[in-house]
Structures are given as C-alpha cells and as structure tokens.
Amino acid sequence: MKAVVTVMLKPGVLDPQGKAIAHALGALGFTGVEDVRAGKVIELTLAETDPEKARAAAEEMARRLLANGVIEGFRVEVEG
C-alpha cells in the first residue's frame, strides 16, 4: 500500500524558498502569482494492507520524523 505524506510550512512561517520561486516566476514573465509556498512530498510504500493502519503508521512517521511539528503541518493520503 502506498502512503503519500505532504509536508508544508504552517501559515505565518516565513518561506524563503517560496519567495524565491515567486520572484523567479515573475522574472520569467508569469504574472498573477500572488504567493508561493514550497513543501515536500514523501511517498512511502508500506507492507500494510489495511488502509486505516497504513494511514496511522504514516501519520506517526510524519509526527516523529518527516515533519517538524513546530513549523510544519502535514497531510497523509493512502492509495490502495
């Protein structure tokens, strides 16, 4: 079973990478981009076959290692 963990900075936390991307997009002529937030996506292949157990395991992994709970939030999607 595959779990996808998306980690993003919490609202209000400065995002220098997002600001750099927004600036570069403007320099390339893309208009109308008001804000950019950069994050990371982690794909986990799990041996677990129960979707709820897979989600719980991925959430625990995110809490303990994949996301810094002080400045980042995360969401988990499980794909059968």
Protein backbone atom coordinates (compact mmCIF):
# COMPACT_ATOMS: atom_id res chain seq x y z
CA MET A 1 0.00 0.00 0.00
CA LYS A 2 1.25 3.49 -0.81
CA ALA A 3 1.01 6.47 1.53
CA VAL A 4 1.78 9.99 0.38
CA VAL A 5 2.79 12.48 3.05
CA THR A 6 2.69 16.15 2.05
CA VAL A 7 4.59 18.46 4.40
CA MET A 8 4.11 22.24 4.24
CA LEU A 9 5.20 25.14 6.39
CA LYS A 10 2.45 26.35 8.70
CA PRO A 11 0.72 29.65 7.85
CA GLY A 12 2.72 32.58 9.16
CA VAL A 13 6.08 30.80 8.93
CA LEU A 14 8.42 32.59 6.53
CA ASP A 15 9.06 30.60 3.36
CA PRO A 16 12.24 31.88 1.65
CA GLN A 17 12.16 29.10 -0.94
CA GLY A 18 8.58 30.00 -1.87
CA LYS A 19 9.54 33.69 -2.13
CA ALA A 20 12.49 32.82 -4.41
CA ILE A 21 10.21 30.74 -6.64
CA ALA A 22 7.65 33.56 -6.81
CA HIS A 23 10.39 36.04 -7.75
CA ALA A 24 11.78 33.72 -10.44
CA LEU A 25 8.32 33.16 -11.92
CA GLY A 26 7.85 36.92 -12.16
CA ALA A 27 11.27 37.28 -13.83
CA LEU A 28 10.20 34.67 -16.38
CA GLY A 29 7.13 36.71 -17.26
CA PHE A 30 4.47 34.79 -15.33
CA THR A 31 2.03 37.34 -13.94
CA GLY A 32 -0.69 37.00 -11.35
CA VAL A 33 1.24 34.75 -8.96
CA GLU A 34 0.38 36.28 -5.60
CA ASP A 35 2.12 33.83 -3.28
CA VAL A 36 4.10 30.59 -3.42
CA ARG A 37 4.56 28.10 -0.58
CA ALA A 38 7.11 25.34 -1.09
CA GLY A 39 6.89 21.98 0.65
CA LYS A 40 7.86 18.37 0.21
CA VAL A 41 6.09 15.17 -0.81
CA ILE A 42 7.22 11.84 0.60
CA GLU A 43 5.91 8.60 -0.92
CA LEU A 44 6.01 5.56 1.33
CA THR A 45 5.44 2.00 0.14
CA LEU A 46 4.12 0.06 3.11
CA ALA A 47 3.62 -3.67 3.58
CA GLU A 48 0.39 -2.93 5.48
CA THR A 49 -2.79 -3.93 3.62
CA ASP A 50 -5.33 -2.25 5.93
CA PRO A 51 -5.82 1.38 4.80
CA GLU A 52 -6.56 2.68 8.31
CA LYS A 53 -3.47 1.02 9.77
CA ALA A 54 -1.37 2.32 6.86
CA ARG A 55 -2.68 5.85 7.47
CA ALA A 56 -2.00 5.61 11.20
CA ALA A 57 1.55 4.37 10.56
CA ALA A 58 2.26 7.14 8.03
CA GLU A 59 0.86 9.78 10.39
CA GLU A 60 3.09 8.52 13.19
CA MET A 61 6.11 8.60 10.85
CA ALA A 62 5.24 12.18 9.90
CA ARG A 63 4.85 13.25 13.54
CA ARG A 64 8.09 11.61 14.64
CA LEU A 65 10.40 12.25 11.68
CA LEU A 66 9.03 13.61 8.42
CA ALA A 67 7.60 16.94 9.66
CA ASN A 68 8.84 19.43 12.20
CA GLY A 69 5.66 19.93 14.21
CA VAL A 70 6.75 23.37 15.40
CA ILE A 71 6.83 24.95 11.93
CA GLU A 72 5.29 22.37 9.58
CA GLY A 73 1.96 20.69 9.11
CA PHE A 74 1.28 17.55 7.10
CA ARG A 75 -1.44 15.53 5.44
CA VAL A 76 -1.49 11.85 4.58
CA GLU A 77 -3.21 10.21 1.63
CA VAL A 78 -3.36 6.42 1.34
CA GLU A 79 -3.65 4.75 -2.05
CA GLY A 80 -4.63 1.12 -2.33
